[in-house]
Amino acid sequence: MRNALIATLCFLSGAAFAQSADVGVVNLVQGEVAFAPRAGAQGKVSAFMRVRDGDRFELPAGAQLRVVYFDGARQERWQGPASFRAGKTAGEPIAGAAAEVVNLPAGVPQRIARVPELVQNAKLGGIQLRGGVSRPQADKEIQMSVREARAAYDEMSKQLPADDITPELFLYSALYDYQMYDDMKLVVAEMRRKQPGSEDAKSLESWLQRRTGQ
């Protein structure tokens, strides 16, 4: 009986964890978009907010929301009026038009998943993140990694809308691994050009200026 109770509690704990697992991240929000988790109070959606399995989103007329899903390398663009529920690999329409979908290059969602931490790091004044590395030597492995990241960036830039900074966020995250600050400045400048009003892009720019003394 005791073993059965323990097994039940473990199952329920595992189910609760699965329901609350991060499945994606918001990389653009325009308008007053609201969300409601499976358990908890409704809130307002913010840029780079993590999305969890079961979150329900409500978009009024004129609002826009873009979500990158970590599994499946998928980006969805929702336009209001609409509502949907986030799943593990995609959103499920509830009302309104279905999302416009773009398939992203492999590996992109994993780097996009780091963006909330990078933005928060910038806002907190540049505390070093876990896993930071010293400026590396230009060896073949690093050159290949950066070259592959730039190729993925070019591919996304051709596919996505002109105001979508997903390619820049991806490349920024890749360059951060090697602390290639001069290149990161160019990427942030492109973010600022695409979305001049983005406070998060401004935070990344300010962090780089403090980091390099320029």
N, C-alpha and C. Protein backbone atom coordinates (compact mmCIF):
# COMPACT_ATOMS: atom_id res chain seq x y z
N MET A 1 0.84 -1.20 0.00
CA MET A 1 0.00 0.00 0.00
C MET A 1 0.87 1.25 0.00
N ARG A 2 1.90 1.23 0.86
CA ARG A 2 2.80 2.37 0.95
C ARG A 2 3.53 2.59 -0.37
N ASN A 3 3.99 1.48 -0.99
CA ASN A 3 4.69 1.60 -2.26
C ASN A 3 3.78 2.15 -3.36
N ALA A 4 2.51 1.72 -3.32
CA ALA A 4 1.55 2.20 -4.30
C ALA A 4 1.32 3.70 -4.15
N LEU A 5 1.27 4.17 -2.89
CA LEU A 5 1.07 5.59 -2.62
C LEU A 5 2.26 6.40 -3.13
N ILE A 6 3.46 5.90 -2.88
CA ILE A 6 4.67 6.59 -3.34
C ILE A 6 4.69 6.67 -4.86
N ALA A 7 4.32 5.55 -5.50
CA ALA A 7 4.30 5.53 -6.97
C ALA A 7 3.30 6.54 -7.52
N THR A 8 2.15 6.63 -6.85
CA THR A 8 1.13 7.59 -7.29
C THR A 8 1.62 9.01 -7.15
N LEU A 9 2.26 9.32 -6.02
CA LEU A 9 2.77 10.67 -5.80
C LEU A 9 3.85 11.01 -6.82
N CYS A 10 4.70 10.05 -7.14
CA CYS A 10 5.75 10.29 -8.13
C CYS A 10 5.13 10.56 -9.50
N PHE A 11 4.09 9.80 -9.82
CA PHE A 11 3.42 9.99 -11.11
C PHE A 11 2.80 11.37 -11.19
N LEU A 12 2.10 11.77 -10.11
CA LEU A 12 1.46 13.08 -10.10
C LEU A 12 2.49 14.20 -10.17
N SER A 13 3.62 14.02 -9.47
CA SER A 13 4.67 15.04 -9.52
C SER A 13 5.25 15.14 -10.91
N GLY A 14 5.45 14.00 -11.55
CA GLY A 14 5.97 14.01 -12.91
C GLY A 14 5.01 14.65 -13.88
N ALA A 15 3.71 14.38 -13.71
CA ALA A 15 2.71 14.97 -14.59
C ALA A 15 2.66 16.47 -14.41
N ALA A 16 2.75 16.93 -13.17
CA ALA A 16 2.73 18.37 -12.91
C ALA A 16 3.93 19.05 -13.52
N PHE A 17 5.10 18.39 -13.42
CA PHE A 17 6.31 18.96 -14.01
C PHE A 17 6.18 19.05 -15.52
N ALA A 18 5.63 17.98 -16.14
CA ALA A 18 5.49 17.96 -17.59
C ALA A 18 4.58 19.08 -18.06
N GLN A 19 3.50 19.33 -17.28
CA GLN A 19 2.56 20.36 -17.66
C GLN A 19 3.19 21.75 -17.58
N SER A 20 4.13 21.92 -16.65
CA SER A 20 4.70 23.25 -16.43
C SER A 20 6.03 23.44 -17.14
N ALA A 21 6.44 22.47 -17.95
CA ALA A 21 7.74 22.57 -18.61
C ALA A 21 7.73 23.69 -19.64
N ASP A 22 8.88 24.37 -19.77
CA ASP A 22 9.02 25.39 -20.81
C ASP A 22 9.04 24.72 -22.17
N VAL A 23 8.21 25.21 -23.08
CA VAL A 23 8.16 24.64 -24.43
C VAL A 23 8.59 25.65 -25.49
N GLY A 24 8.69 26.92 -25.11
CA GLY A 24 9.05 27.94 -26.09
C GLY A 24 9.30 29.28 -25.44
N VAL A 25 9.48 30.28 -26.28
CA VAL A 25 9.72 31.63 -25.80
C VAL A 25 9.04 32.62 -26.73
N VAL A 26 8.50 33.69 -26.17
CA VAL A 26 7.91 34.78 -26.95
C VAL A 26 9.03 35.65 -27.48
N ASN A 27 9.10 35.85 -28.78
CA ASN A 27 10.16 36.71 -29.30
C ASN A 27 9.61 37.99 -29.93
N LEU A 28 8.28 38.18 -29.88
CA LEU A 28 7.69 39.46 -30.26
C LEU A 28 6.28 39.51 -29.72
N VAL A 29 5.92 40.65 -29.13
CA VAL A 29 4.54 40.87 -28.72
C VAL A 29 4.19 42.32 -29.03
N GLN A 30 3.06 42.52 -29.66
CA GLN A 30 2.54 43.84 -29.98
C GLN A 30 1.09 43.91 -29.55
N GLY A 31 0.75 44.89 -28.75
CA GLY A 31 -0.61 45.00 -28.25
C GLY A 31 -0.75 44.37 -26.88
N GLU A 32 -1.94 44.42 -26.33
CA GLU A 32 -2.22 43.91 -24.98
C GLU A 32 -2.60 42.44 -25.06
N VAL A 33 -1.60 41.58 -25.15
CA VAL A 33 -1.83 40.14 -25.22
C VAL A 33 -1.80 39.56 -23.81
N ALA A 34 -2.80 38.76 -23.48
CA ALA A 34 -2.89 38.15 -22.14
C ALA A 34 -2.67 36.65 -22.24
N PHE A 35 -2.20 36.08 -21.13
CA PHE A 35 -2.05 34.62 -21.09
C PHE A 35 -2.55 34.11 -19.75
N ALA A 36 -2.96 32.84 -19.74
CA ALA A 36 -3.42 32.19 -18.52
C ALA A 36 -2.79 30.81 -18.46
N PRO A 37 -2.00 30.53 -17.43
CA PRO A 37 -1.40 29.20 -17.29
C PRO A 37 -2.45 28.18 -16.87
N ARG A 38 -2.08 26.92 -16.88
CA ARG A 38 -3.02 25.87 -16.45
C ARG A 38 -3.45 26.10 -15.00
N ALA A 39 -2.52 26.55 -14.20
CA ALA A 39 -2.82 26.85 -12.81
C ALA A 39 -2.19 28.19 -12.46
N GLY A 40 -2.99 29.11 -11.96
CA GLY A 40 -2.47 30.41 -11.61
C GLY A 40 -3.26 31.53 -12.24
N ALA A 41 -2.87 32.74 -11.92
CA ALA A 41 -3.60 33.91 -12.38
C ALA A 41 -3.21 34.31 -13.79
N GLN A 42 -4.14 34.96 -14.47
CA GLN A 42 -3.87 35.49 -15.81
C GLN A 42 -2.88 36.64 -15.71
N GLY A 43 -2.06 36.80 -16.73
CA GLY A 43 -1.08 37.87 -16.74
C GLY A 43 -0.94 38.47 -18.12
N LYS A 44 -0.08 39.47 -18.22
CA LYS A 44 0.19 40.14 -19.49
C LYS A 44 1.45 39.56 -20.10
N VAL A 45 1.42 39.31 -21.39
CA VAL A 45 2.56 38.74 -22.10
C VAL A 45 3.64 39.80 -22.31
N SER A 46 4.88 39.44 -22.09
CA SER A 46 6.01 40.33 -22.33
C SER A 46 7.01 39.66 -23.26
N ALA A 47 7.82 40.45 -23.92
CA ALA A 47 8.81 39.90 -24.83
C ALA A 47 9.81 39.02 -24.09
N PHE A 48 10.18 37.91 -24.70
CA PHE A 48 11.13 36.93 -24.18
C PHE A 48 10.61 36.19 -22.95
N MET A 49 9.30 36.24 -22.76
CA MET A 49 8.68 35.43 -21.72
C MET A 49 8.71 33.97 -22.13
N ARG A 50 9.01 33.10 -21.20
CA ARG A 50 8.99 31.68 -21.49
C ARG A 50 7.55 31.17 -21.57
N VAL A 51 7.31 30.27 -22.50
CA VAL A 51 5.98 29.70 -22.72
C VAL A 51 5.98 28.28 -22.18
N ARG A 52 4.90 27.95 -21.47
CA ARG A 52 4.80 26.62 -20.89
C ARG A 52 3.66 25.83 -21.52
N ASP A 53 3.82 24.53 -21.49
CA ASP A 53 2.80 23.64 -22.03
C ASP A 53 1.47 23.91 -21.33
N GLY A 54 0.43 24.21 -22.11
CA GLY A 54 -0.88 24.46 -21.54
C GLY A 54 -1.24 25.92 -21.38
N ASP A 55 -0.28 26.83 -21.55
CA ASP A 55 -0.59 28.26 -21.46
C ASP A 55 -1.62 28.64 -22.54
N ARG A 56 -2.60 29.43 -22.14
CA ARG A 56 -3.60 29.92 -23.10
C ARG A 56 -3.36 31.41 -23.35
N PHE A 57 -3.40 31.80 -24.63
CA PHE A 57 -3.13 33.18 -25.02
C PHE A 57 -4.35 33.79 -25.68
N GLU A 58 -4.61 35.06 -25.34
CA GLU A 58 -5.74 35.80 -25.89
C GLU A 58 -5.20 37.07 -26.56
N LEU A 59 -5.45 37.18 -27.86
CA LEU A 59 -4.99 38.34 -28.63
C LEU A 59 -6.19 39.16 -29.08
N PRO A 60 -6.30 40.41 -28.66
CA PRO A 60 -7.37 41.27 -29.16
C PRO A 60 -7.09 41.69 -30.60
N ALA A 61 -8.04 42.33 -31.23
CA ALA A 61 -7.89 42.78 -32.60
C ALA A 61 -6.68 43.71 -32.71
N GLY A 62 -5.84 43.48 -33.72
CA GLY A 62 -4.67 44.32 -33.95
C GLY A 62 -3.42 43.85 -33.23
N ALA A 63 -3.55 42.91 -32.30
CA ALA A 63 -2.38 42.42 -31.55
C ALA A 63 -1.65 41.37 -32.37
N GLN A 64 -0.37 41.17 -32.03
CA GLN A 64 0.46 40.19 -32.72
C GLN A 64 1.37 39.51 -31.71
N LEU A 65 1.60 38.24 -31.92
CA LEU A 65 2.45 37.46 -31.03
C LEU A 65 3.24 36.45 -31.84
N ARG A 66 4.54 36.36 -31.55
CA ARG A 66 5.36 35.34 -32.19
C ARG A 66 5.99 34.47 -31.11
N VAL A 67 5.94 33.16 -31.33
CA VAL A 67 6.46 32.18 -30.38
C VAL A 67 7.39 31.22 -31.09
N VAL A 68 8.57 30.99 -30.51
CA VAL A 68 9.49 29.97 -31.01
C VAL A 68 9.37 28.76 -30.09
N TYR A 69 9.09 27.59 -30.68
CA TYR A 69 9.00 26.34 -29.92
C TYR A 69 10.35 25.63 -29.96
N PHE A 70 10.78 25.18 -28.78
CA PHE A 70 12.10 24.56 -28.68
C PHE A 70 12.16 23.23 -29.43
N ASP A 71 11.14 22.42 -29.29
CA ASP A 71 11.09 21.14 -30.00
C ASP A 71 10.41 21.34 -31.35
N GLY A 72 11.04 20.87 -32.38
CA GLY A 72 10.45 20.98 -33.70
C GLY A 72 10.93 22.15 -34.52
N ALA A 73 11.74 23.04 -33.92
CA ALA A 73 12.30 24.19 -34.65
C ALA A 73 11.20 24.92 -35.43
N ARG A 74 10.25 25.44 -34.69
CA ARG A 74 9.06 26.04 -35.29
C ARG A 74 8.81 27.42 -34.70
N GLN A 75 8.50 28.38 -35.56
CA GLN A 75 8.06 29.70 -35.11
C GLN A 75 6.64 29.96 -35.61
N GLU A 76 5.79 30.43 -34.70
CA GLU A 76 4.40 30.75 -35.04
C GLU A 76 4.15 32.24 -34.88
N ARG A 77 3.41 32.78 -35.81
CA ARG A 77 3.00 34.18 -35.75
C ARG A 77 1.47 34.23 -35.69
N TRP A 78 0.97 34.72 -34.55
CA TRP A 78 -0.47 34.82 -34.32
C TRP A 78 -0.90 36.28 -34.41
N GLN A 79 -2.06 36.51 -35.02
CA GLN A 79 -2.61 37.85 -35.14
C GLN A 79 -4.04 37.87 -34.60
N GLY A 80 -4.34 38.90 -33.81
CA GLY A 80 -5.66 39.01 -33.21
C GLY A 80 -6.70 39.58 -34.16
N PRO A 81 -7.98 39.32 -33.89
CA PRO A 81 -8.44 38.60 -32.70
C PRO A 81 -8.25 37.10 -32.84
N ALA A 82 -7.67 36.51 -31.82
CA ALA A 82 -7.44 35.07 -31.84
C ALA A 82 -7.10 34.59 -30.43
N SER A 83 -7.23 33.31 -30.23
CA SER A 83 -6.78 32.69 -28.98
C SER A 83 -6.26 31.30 -29.31
N PHE A 84 -5.28 30.85 -28.54
CA PHE A 84 -4.71 29.53 -28.75
C PHE A 84 -4.10 29.02 -27.45
N ARG A 85 -3.85 27.72 -27.42
CA ARG A 85 -3.21 27.10 -26.27
C ARG A 85 -1.88 26.50 -26.72
N ALA A 86 -0.83 26.77 -25.98
CA ALA A 86 0.49 26.26 -26.32
C ALA A 86 0.60 24.79 -25.98
N GLY A 87 1.11 24.02 -26.93
CA GLY A 87 1.42 22.62 -26.70
C GLY A 87 2.91 22.41 -26.60
N LYS A 88 3.35 21.18 -26.65
CA LYS A 88 4.77 20.89 -26.50
C LYS A 88 5.58 21.30 -27.72
N THR A 89 4.95 21.22 -28.91
CA THR A 89 5.68 21.53 -30.13
C THR A 89 4.97 22.53 -31.02
N ALA A 90 3.74 22.93 -30.65
CA ALA A 90 2.96 23.84 -31.49
C ALA A 90 1.79 24.40 -30.70
N GLY A 91 1.20 25.49 -31.22
CA GLY A 91 0.02 26.06 -30.62
C GLY A 91 -1.24 25.46 -31.22
N GLU A 92 -2.27 25.29 -30.39
CA GLU A 92 -3.55 24.75 -30.84
C GLU A 92 -4.57 25.89 -30.91
N PRO A 93 -5.08 26.21 -32.10
CA PRO A 93 -6.05 27.32 -32.23
C PRO A 93 -7.31 27.05 -31.42
N ILE A 94 -7.80 28.08 -30.77
CA ILE A 94 -9.08 28.00 -30.06
C ILE A 94 -10.12 28.86 -30.77
N ALA A 95 -9.72 30.06 -31.14
CA ALA A 95 -10.61 30.96 -31.88
C ALA A 95 -9.77 31.84 -32.79
N GLY A 96 -10.38 32.28 -33.89
CA GLY A 96 -9.65 33.13 -34.82
C GLY A 96 -8.82 32.34 -35.81
N ALA A 97 -8.02 33.06 -36.58
CA ALA A 97 -7.21 32.43 -37.61
C ALA A 97 -6.04 31.65 -37.02
N ALA A 98 -5.64 30.60 -37.72
CA ALA A 98 -4.48 29.82 -37.29
C ALA A 98 -3.20 30.63 -37.50
N ALA A 99 -2.14 30.17 -36.89
CA ALA A 99 -0.87 30.89 -36.96
C ALA A 99 -0.19 30.71 -38.31
N GLU A 100 0.62 31.70 -38.67
CA GLU A 100 1.54 31.54 -39.79
C GLU A 100 2.79 30.85 -39.23
N VAL A 101 3.24 29.83 -39.92
CA VAL A 101 4.32 28.99 -39.40
C VAL A 101 5.56 29.09 -40.28
N VAL A 102 6.72 29.21 -39.63
CA VAL A 102 8.01 29.17 -40.31
C VAL A 102 8.87 28.11 -39.63
N ASN A 103 9.45 27.22 -40.41
CA ASN A 103 10.36 26.22 -39.87
C ASN A 103 11.77 26.81 -39.79
N LEU A 104 12.36 26.72 -38.63
CA LEU A 104 13.68 27.30 -38.38
C LEU A 104 14.78 26.26 -38.58
N PRO A 105 15.99 26.70 -38.89
CA PRO A 105 17.11 25.75 -39.01
C PRO A 105 17.35 25.02 -37.70
N ALA A 106 17.83 23.81 -37.79
CA ALA A 106 18.12 23.02 -36.60
C ALA A 106 19.10 23.75 -35.70
N GLY A 107 18.88 23.66 -34.42
CA GLY A 107 19.78 24.30 -33.46
C GLY A 107 19.39 25.71 -33.08
N VAL A 108 18.55 26.35 -33.88
CA VAL A 108 18.15 27.73 -33.58
C VAL A 108 17.35 27.83 -32.28
N PRO A 109 16.32 26.99 -32.08
CA PRO A 109 15.52 27.13 -30.85
C PRO A 109 16.35 27.01 -29.58
N GLN A 110 17.37 26.14 -29.59
CA GLN A 110 18.19 25.97 -28.39
C GLN A 110 18.94 27.26 -28.04
N ARG A 111 19.38 27.98 -29.05
CA ARG A 111 20.05 29.26 -28.78
C ARG A 111 19.04 30.34 -28.41
N ILE A 112 17.88 30.32 -29.04
CA ILE A 112 16.83 31.29 -28.70
C ILE A 112 16.39 31.08 -27.24
N ALA A 113 16.45 29.83 -26.78
CA ALA A 113 16.06 29.53 -25.40
C ALA A 113 16.93 30.26 -24.39
N ARG A 114 18.15 30.63 -24.79
CA ARG A 114 19.07 31.34 -23.88
C ARG A 114 18.82 32.84 -23.83
N VAL A 115 18.05 33.35 -24.79
CA VAL A 115 17.89 34.80 -24.91
C VAL A 115 17.31 35.44 -23.65
N PRO A 116 16.26 34.86 -23.01
CA PRO A 116 15.76 35.51 -21.79
C PRO A 116 16.85 35.71 -20.74
N GLU A 117 17.75 34.74 -20.61
CA GLU A 117 18.84 34.86 -19.64
C GLU A 117 19.83 35.94 -20.06
N LEU A 118 20.12 36.00 -21.36
CA LEU A 118 21.05 37.02 -21.85
C LEU A 118 20.48 38.42 -21.65
N VAL A 119 19.19 38.59 -21.92
CA VAL A 119 18.55 39.89 -21.73
C VAL A 119 18.53 40.27 -20.26
N GLN A 120 18.18 39.31 -19.41
CA GLN A 120 18.15 39.58 -17.98
C GLN A 120 19.54 39.94 -17.47
N ASN A 121 20.54 39.25 -17.96
CA ASN A 121 21.93 39.54 -17.60
C ASN A 121 22.28 40.98 -17.95
N ALA A 122 21.85 41.41 -19.14
CA ALA A 122 22.15 42.78 -19.57
C ALA A 122 21.46 43.80 -18.68
N LYS A 123 20.22 43.51 -18.30
CA LYS A 123 19.46 44.45 -17.46
C LYS A 123 20.01 44.52 -16.04
N LEU A 124 20.63 43.44 -15.59
CA LEU A 124 21.19 43.41 -14.24
C LEU A 124 22.58 44.03 -14.16
N GLY A 125 23.08 44.46 -15.32
CA GLY A 125 24.36 45.17 -15.29
C GLY A 125 25.55 44.37 -15.72
N GLY A 126 25.30 43.23 -16.36
CA GLY A 126 26.43 42.51 -16.95
C GLY A 126 27.06 41.47 -16.07
N ILE A 127 26.29 40.82 -15.19
CA ILE A 127 26.83 39.72 -14.40
C ILE A 127 27.18 38.58 -15.34
N GLN A 128 28.35 37.98 -15.14
CA GLN A 128 28.79 36.91 -16.03
C GLN A 128 27.86 35.72 -15.93
N LEU A 129 27.44 35.19 -17.07
CA LEU A 129 26.57 34.03 -17.09
C LEU A 129 27.37 32.76 -16.85
N ARG A 130 26.64 31.70 -16.41
CA ARG A 130 27.27 30.40 -16.29
C ARG A 130 27.76 29.95 -17.66
N GLY A 131 28.89 29.30 -17.67
CA GLY A 131 29.39 28.76 -18.92
C GLY A 131 30.10 29.77 -19.79
N GLY A 132 30.33 30.98 -19.28
CA GLY A 132 31.05 31.97 -20.07
C GLY A 132 32.47 31.50 -20.34
N VAL A 133 33.01 31.89 -21.47
CA VAL A 133 34.36 31.46 -21.81
C VAL A 133 35.23 32.67 -22.07
N SER A 134 36.53 32.49 -21.92
CA SER A 134 37.45 33.57 -22.23
C SER A 134 37.58 33.70 -23.74
N ARG A 135 38.08 34.84 -24.18
CA ARG A 135 38.23 35.06 -25.62
C ARG A 135 39.09 33.95 -26.22
N PRO A 136 38.53 33.18 -27.12
CA PRO A 136 39.25 32.01 -27.62
C PRO A 136 40.21 32.35 -28.75
N GLN A 137 41.10 31.43 -29.02
CA GLN A 137 41.94 31.54 -30.21
C GLN A 137 41.10 31.15 -31.43
N ALA A 138 41.45 31.73 -32.57
CA ALA A 138 40.67 31.47 -33.79
C ALA A 138 41.06 30.11 -34.36
N ASP A 139 40.58 29.04 -33.75
CA ASP A 139 40.89 27.71 -34.26
C ASP A 139 39.79 27.26 -35.22
N LYS A 140 40.02 26.14 -35.86
CA LYS A 140 39.11 25.67 -36.91
C LYS A 140 37.73 25.34 -36.37
N GLU A 141 37.67 24.78 -35.17
CA GLU A 141 36.38 24.40 -34.59
C GLU A 141 35.50 25.62 -34.36
N ILE A 142 36.09 26.66 -33.81
CA ILE A 142 35.33 27.88 -33.54
C ILE A 142 34.92 28.55 -34.85
N GLN A 143 35.84 28.60 -35.79
CA GLN A 143 35.52 29.19 -37.09
C GLN A 143 34.37 28.46 -37.75
N MET A 144 34.36 27.13 -37.65
CA MET A 144 33.29 26.35 -38.25
C MET A 144 31.97 26.63 -37.56
N SER A 145 31.98 26.70 -36.22
CA SER A 145 30.76 26.97 -35.47
C SER A 145 30.16 28.32 -35.84
N VAL A 146 31.01 29.33 -35.92
CA VAL A 146 30.53 30.67 -36.28
C VAL A 146 30.06 30.71 -37.72
N ARG A 147 30.76 30.01 -38.59
CA ARG A 147 30.36 29.98 -40.00
C ARG A 147 28.98 29.32 -40.15
N GLU A 148 28.75 28.25 -39.41
CA GLU A 148 27.44 27.58 -39.46
C GLU A 148 26.35 28.48 -38.90
N ALA A 149 26.67 29.21 -37.84
CA ALA A 149 25.69 30.13 -37.25
C ALA A 149 25.33 31.24 -38.24
N ARG A 150 26.33 31.75 -38.94
CA ARG A 150 26.06 32.82 -39.92
C ARG A 150 25.23 32.28 -41.10
N ALA A 151 25.48 31.04 -41.49
CA ALA A 151 24.70 30.45 -42.58
C ALA A 151 23.24 30.30 -42.16
N ALA A 152 23.01 29.87 -40.91
CA ALA A 152 21.64 29.75 -40.41
C ALA A 152 20.99 31.13 -40.31
N TYR A 153 21.77 32.11 -39.91
CA TYR A 153 21.28 33.49 -39.83
C TYR A 153 20.82 33.98 -41.20
N ASP A 154 21.65 33.75 -42.21
CA ASP A 154 21.30 34.18 -43.57
C ASP A 154 20.03 33.50 -44.05
N GLU A 155 19.90 32.22 -43.74
CA GLU A 155 18.71 31.47 -44.16
C GLU A 155 17.45 32.03 -43.51
N MET A 156 17.52 32.29 -42.21
CA MET A 156 16.35 32.83 -41.50
C MET A 156 16.01 34.24 -41.99
N SER A 157 17.02 35.04 -42.25
CA SER A 157 16.79 36.42 -42.67
C SER A 157 15.99 36.48 -43.97
N LYS A 158 16.19 35.47 -44.82
CA LYS A 158 15.44 35.42 -46.08
C LYS A 158 14.00 34.96 -45.87
N GLN A 159 13.76 34.16 -44.84
CA GLN A 159 12.44 33.57 -44.62
C GLN A 159 11.51 34.44 -43.80
N LEU A 160 12.06 35.17 -42.84
CA LEU A 160 11.24 35.84 -41.84
C LEU A 160 10.93 37.28 -42.23
N PRO A 161 9.88 37.87 -41.63
CA PRO A 161 9.51 39.25 -41.94
C PRO A 161 10.63 40.24 -41.64
N ALA A 162 10.56 41.41 -42.27
CA ALA A 162 11.63 42.40 -42.16
C ALA A 162 11.82 42.91 -40.74
N ASP A 163 10.78 42.86 -39.91
CA ASP A 163 10.89 43.37 -38.54
C ASP A 163 11.16 42.27 -37.52
N ASP A 164 11.41 41.07 -37.98
CA ASP A 164 11.62 39.93 -37.08
C ASP A 164 13.09 39.86 -36.71
N ILE A 165 13.38 39.95 -35.41
CA ILE A 165 14.77 39.93 -34.95
C ILE A 165 15.21 38.54 -34.47
N THR A 166 14.42 37.52 -34.78
CA THR A 166 14.82 36.16 -34.41
C THR A 166 16.20 35.80 -34.96
N PRO A 167 16.51 36.12 -36.23
CA PRO A 167 17.85 35.80 -36.72
C PRO A 167 18.96 36.48 -35.91
N GLU A 168 18.72 37.73 -35.55
CA GLU A 168 19.74 38.48 -34.77
C GLU A 168 19.88 37.91 -33.36
N LEU A 169 18.78 37.54 -32.74
CA LEU A 169 18.85 36.96 -31.40
C LEU A 169 19.63 35.65 -31.43
N PHE A 170 19.38 34.86 -32.45
CA PHE A 170 20.12 33.60 -32.60
C PHE A 170 21.61 33.85 -32.76
N LEU A 171 21.97 34.75 -33.67
CA LEU A 171 23.39 35.00 -33.93
C LEU A 171 24.06 35.65 -32.72
N TYR A 172 23.36 36.52 -32.04
CA TYR A 172 23.89 37.15 -30.82
C TYR A 172 24.26 36.07 -29.81
N SER A 173 23.35 35.11 -29.61
CA SER A 173 23.59 34.04 -28.66
C SER A 173 24.80 33.20 -29.07
N ALA A 174 24.94 32.93 -30.37
CA ALA A 174 26.07 32.15 -30.85
C ALA A 174 27.39 32.90 -30.65
N LEU A 175 27.39 34.17 -30.96
CA LEU A 175 28.61 34.97 -30.82
C LEU A 175 28.98 35.19 -29.35
N TYR A 176 27.98 35.22 -28.49
CA TYR A 176 28.24 35.40 -27.06
C TYR A 176 29.11 34.27 -26.51
N ASP A 177 28.90 33.07 -27.02
CA ASP A 177 29.68 31.94 -26.54
C ASP A 177 31.18 32.17 -26.68
N TYR A 178 31.56 32.97 -27.67
CA TYR A 178 32.98 33.23 -27.93
C TYR A 178 33.37 34.68 -27.61
N GLN A 179 32.44 35.41 -27.00
CA GLN A 179 32.66 36.81 -26.61
C GLN A 179 33.22 37.62 -27.77
N MET A 180 32.59 37.49 -28.91
CA MET A 180 32.99 38.24 -30.11
C MET A 180 32.25 39.57 -30.11
N TYR A 181 32.69 40.47 -29.25
CA TYR A 181 31.94 41.68 -28.96
C TYR A 181 31.77 42.61 -30.17
N ASP A 182 32.79 42.74 -30.98
CA ASP A 182 32.67 43.62 -32.15
C ASP A 182 31.58 43.13 -33.09
N ASP A 183 31.55 41.82 -33.31
CA ASP A 183 30.50 41.25 -34.15
C ASP A 183 29.13 41.36 -33.50
N MET A 184 29.09 41.20 -32.17
CA MET A 184 27.82 41.31 -31.45
C MET A 184 27.25 42.73 -31.56
N LYS A 185 28.13 43.73 -31.60
CA LYS A 185 27.67 45.12 -31.75
C LYS A 185 26.94 45.31 -33.08
N LEU A 186 27.46 44.71 -34.12
CA LEU A 186 26.82 44.81 -35.43
C LEU A 186 25.45 44.13 -35.42
N VAL A 187 25.37 43.01 -34.73
CA VAL A 187 24.10 42.29 -34.64
C VAL A 187 23.07 43.12 -33.87
N VAL A 188 23.49 43.71 -32.76
CA VAL A 188 22.57 44.53 -31.97
C VAL A 188 22.15 45.77 -32.74
N ALA A 189 23.07 46.35 -33.50
CA ALA A 189 22.72 47.50 -34.33
C ALA A 189 21.62 47.14 -35.32
N GLU A 190 21.68 45.93 -35.85
CA GLU A 190 20.62 45.48 -36.78
C GLU A 190 19.30 45.27 -36.04
N MET A 191 19.36 44.75 -34.81
CA MET A 191 18.15 44.65 -33.98
C MET A 191 17.51 46.02 -33.79
N ARG A 192 18.34 47.00 -33.47
CA ARG A 192 17.85 48.35 -33.20
C ARG A 192 17.26 48.97 -34.47
N ARG A 193 17.84 48.64 -35.62
CA ARG A 193 17.30 49.15 -36.88
C ARG A 193 15.93 48.55 -37.16
N LYS A 194 15.80 47.24 -36.91
CA LYS A 194 14.54 46.55 -37.18
C LYS A 194 13.44 46.94 -36.19
N GLN A 195 13.84 47.07 -34.92
CA GLN A 195 12.87 47.38 -33.86
C GLN A 195 13.43 48.51 -32.99
N PRO A 196 13.34 49.75 -33.47
CA PRO A 196 13.92 50.89 -32.74
C PRO A 196 13.37 51.06 -31.32
N GLY A 197 12.14 50.63 -31.11
CA GLY A 197 11.54 50.82 -29.79
C GLY A 197 11.75 49.69 -28.82
N SER A 198 12.49 48.67 -29.20
CA SER A 198 12.69 47.51 -28.33
C SER A 198 13.59 47.85 -27.15
N GLU A 199 13.03 47.79 -25.94
CA GLU A 199 13.81 48.06 -24.74
C GLU A 199 14.84 46.96 -24.50
N ASP A 200 14.52 45.75 -24.90
CA ASP A 200 15.46 44.64 -24.70
C ASP A 200 16.69 44.80 -25.59
N ALA A 201 16.47 45.23 -26.83
CA ALA A 201 17.61 45.48 -27.73
C ALA A 201 18.47 46.62 -27.18
N LYS A 202 17.83 47.63 -26.60
CA LYS A 202 18.57 48.73 -25.99
C LYS A 202 19.41 48.22 -24.82
N SER A 203 18.85 47.30 -24.03
CA SER A 203 19.59 46.75 -22.89
C SER A 203 20.82 45.98 -23.36
N LEU A 204 20.66 45.19 -24.42
CA LEU A 204 21.81 44.45 -24.96
C LEU A 204 22.87 45.41 -25.48
N GLU A 205 22.44 46.48 -26.13
CA GLU A 205 23.38 47.48 -26.64
C GLU A 205 24.13 48.15 -25.50
N SER A 206 23.42 48.53 -24.45
CA SER A 206 24.06 49.18 -23.30
C SER A 206 25.04 48.25 -22.61
N TRP A 207 24.67 46.96 -22.50
CA TRP A 207 25.56 45.99 -21.87
C TRP A 207 26.86 45.88 -22.66
N LEU A 208 26.76 45.82 -23.98
CA LEU A 208 27.96 45.72 -24.81
C LEU A 208 28.84 46.97 -24.66
N GLN A 209 28.22 48.13 -24.58
CA GLN A 209 28.98 49.36 -24.41
C GLN A 209 29.74 49.35 -23.09
N ARG A 210 29.07 48.89 -22.04
CA ARG A 210 29.76 48.81 -20.73
C ARG A 210 30.86 47.76 -20.77
N ARG A 211 30.59 46.67 -21.43
CA ARG A 211 31.54 45.56 -21.46
C ARG A 211 32.82 45.95 -22.19
N THR A 212 32.68 46.71 -23.24
CA THR A 212 33.84 47.06 -24.08
C THR A 212 34.38 48.45 -23.79
N GLY A 213 33.68 49.23 -22.96
CA GLY A 213 34.12 50.57 -22.65
C GLY A 213 33.93 51.54 -23.78
N GLN A 214 32.97 51.21 -24.69
CA GLN A 214 32.71 52.09 -25.84
C GLN A 214 31.22 52.38 -25.96
